Amino acid sequence: MNIGEAVKERILELCQEQNISINKLCNMSGVTQSTVNNIISGRNRSATVSTIKKLCDGLGITIEEFFHSDLFKDLEQELK
């Protein structure tokens, strides 16, 4: 798994845990629907830390909590 896939899976996981839709997450975080859709669809494989922080704020979690997941262990090397 690469970092983009891990971020996507973590966003979906957190939305499911909080029983909210992607659309509601966008409204709660102030991140545009198109930005989140691009992350979820894989068109954007490198979400900025700033975007992730805004999503975390909307979810009411810290950025540390976002990355505290097994999804981020053993990621593929990004340099090829």
Protein backbone atom coordinates (compact mmCIF):
# COMPACT_ATOMS: atom_id res chain seq x y z
CA MET A 1 0.00 0.00 0.00
CA ASN A 2 1.24 3.49 -0.74
CA ILE A 3 0.62 6.66 1.28
CA GLY A 4 -2.21 7.87 -0.98
CA GLU A 5 -4.09 4.61 -0.58
CA ALA A 6 -3.53 4.65 3.18
CA VAL A 7 -4.86 8.22 3.50
CA LYS A 8 -7.91 7.30 1.43
CA GLU A 9 -8.62 4.20 3.51
CA ARG A 10 -8.15 6.13 6.77
CA ILE A 11 -10.61 8.84 5.71
CA LEU A 12 -13.20 6.20 4.78
CA GLU A 13 -12.56 4.33 8.03
CA LEU A 14 -13.00 7.45 10.17
CA CYS A 15 -16.19 8.46 8.35
CA GLN A 16 -17.59 4.99 8.93
CA GLU A 17 -16.60 5.08 12.62
CA GLN A 18 -18.35 8.44 13.07
CA ASN A 19 -21.26 7.41 10.83
CA ILE A 20 -20.88 10.41 8.52
CA SER A 21 -20.79 10.74 4.74
CA ILE A 22 -17.95 12.18 2.73
CA ASN A 23 -20.23 15.13 1.94
CA LYS A 24 -20.81 15.79 5.64
CA LEU A 25 -17.06 15.55 6.29
CA CYS A 26 -16.50 18.22 3.65
CA ASN A 27 -19.04 20.51 5.30
CA MET A 28 -17.57 19.90 8.76
CA SER A 29 -13.97 20.45 7.67
CA GLY A 30 -14.23 23.18 5.05
CA VAL A 31 -12.40 21.02 2.49
CA THR A 32 -14.03 21.12 -0.91
CA GLN A 33 -16.00 18.13 -2.14
CA SER A 34 -13.80 17.96 -5.25
CA THR A 35 -10.62 17.75 -3.17
CA VAL A 36 -11.94 14.93 -1.01
CA ASN A 37 -13.40 13.14 -4.03
CA ASN A 38 -9.99 13.31 -5.73
CA ILE A 39 -8.33 11.79 -2.65
CA ILE A 40 -10.95 9.04 -2.36
CA SER A 41 -10.91 8.20 -6.07
CA GLY A 42 -7.11 8.09 -6.19
CA ARG A 43 -6.76 11.00 -8.63
CA ASN A 44 -4.92 12.89 -5.88
CA ARG A 45 -2.36 10.54 -4.34
CA SER A 46 -0.56 13.17 -2.32
CA ALA A 47 -2.97 15.06 -0.08
CA THR A 48 -1.25 17.93 1.69
CA VAL A 49 -0.71 17.92 5.42
CA SER A 50 -2.82 21.08 5.54
CA THR A 51 -5.76 19.27 3.93
CA ILE A 52 -5.39 16.31 6.27
CA LYS A 53 -5.27 18.70 9.25
CA LYS A 54 -8.52 20.35 8.12
CA LEU A 55 -10.17 16.94 7.79
CA CYS A 56 -8.93 16.06 11.28
CA ASP A 57 -10.36 19.29 12.66
CA GLY A 58 -13.71 18.45 11.07
CA LEU A 59 -13.60 14.96 12.56
CA GLY A 60 -12.61 16.30 15.97
CA ILE A 61 -9.34 14.35 16.09
CA THR A 62 -5.68 15.26 16.14
CA ILE A 63 -3.37 14.69 13.21
CA GLU A 64 -1.52 12.23 15.45
CA GLU A 65 -4.74 10.23 15.85
CA PHE A 66 -5.24 10.26 12.07
CA PHE A 67 -1.86 8.63 11.45
CA HIS A 68 -2.11 6.29 14.46
CA SER A 69 -3.35 3.39 12.36
CA ASP A 70 -1.92 0.14 11.08
CA LEU A 71 -2.64 1.46 7.58
CA PHE A 72 0.52 3.56 7.84
CA LYS A 73 2.81 0.71 8.84
CA ASP A 74 4.93 -0.93 6.17
CA LEU A 75 4.08 1.54 3.40
CA GLU A 76 5.70 1.02 0.01
CA GLN A 77 8.73 3.12 -0.72
CA GLU A 78 7.65 6.22 -2.64
CA LEU A 79 10.96 6.72 -4.49
CA LYS A 80 11.34 4.48 -7.47
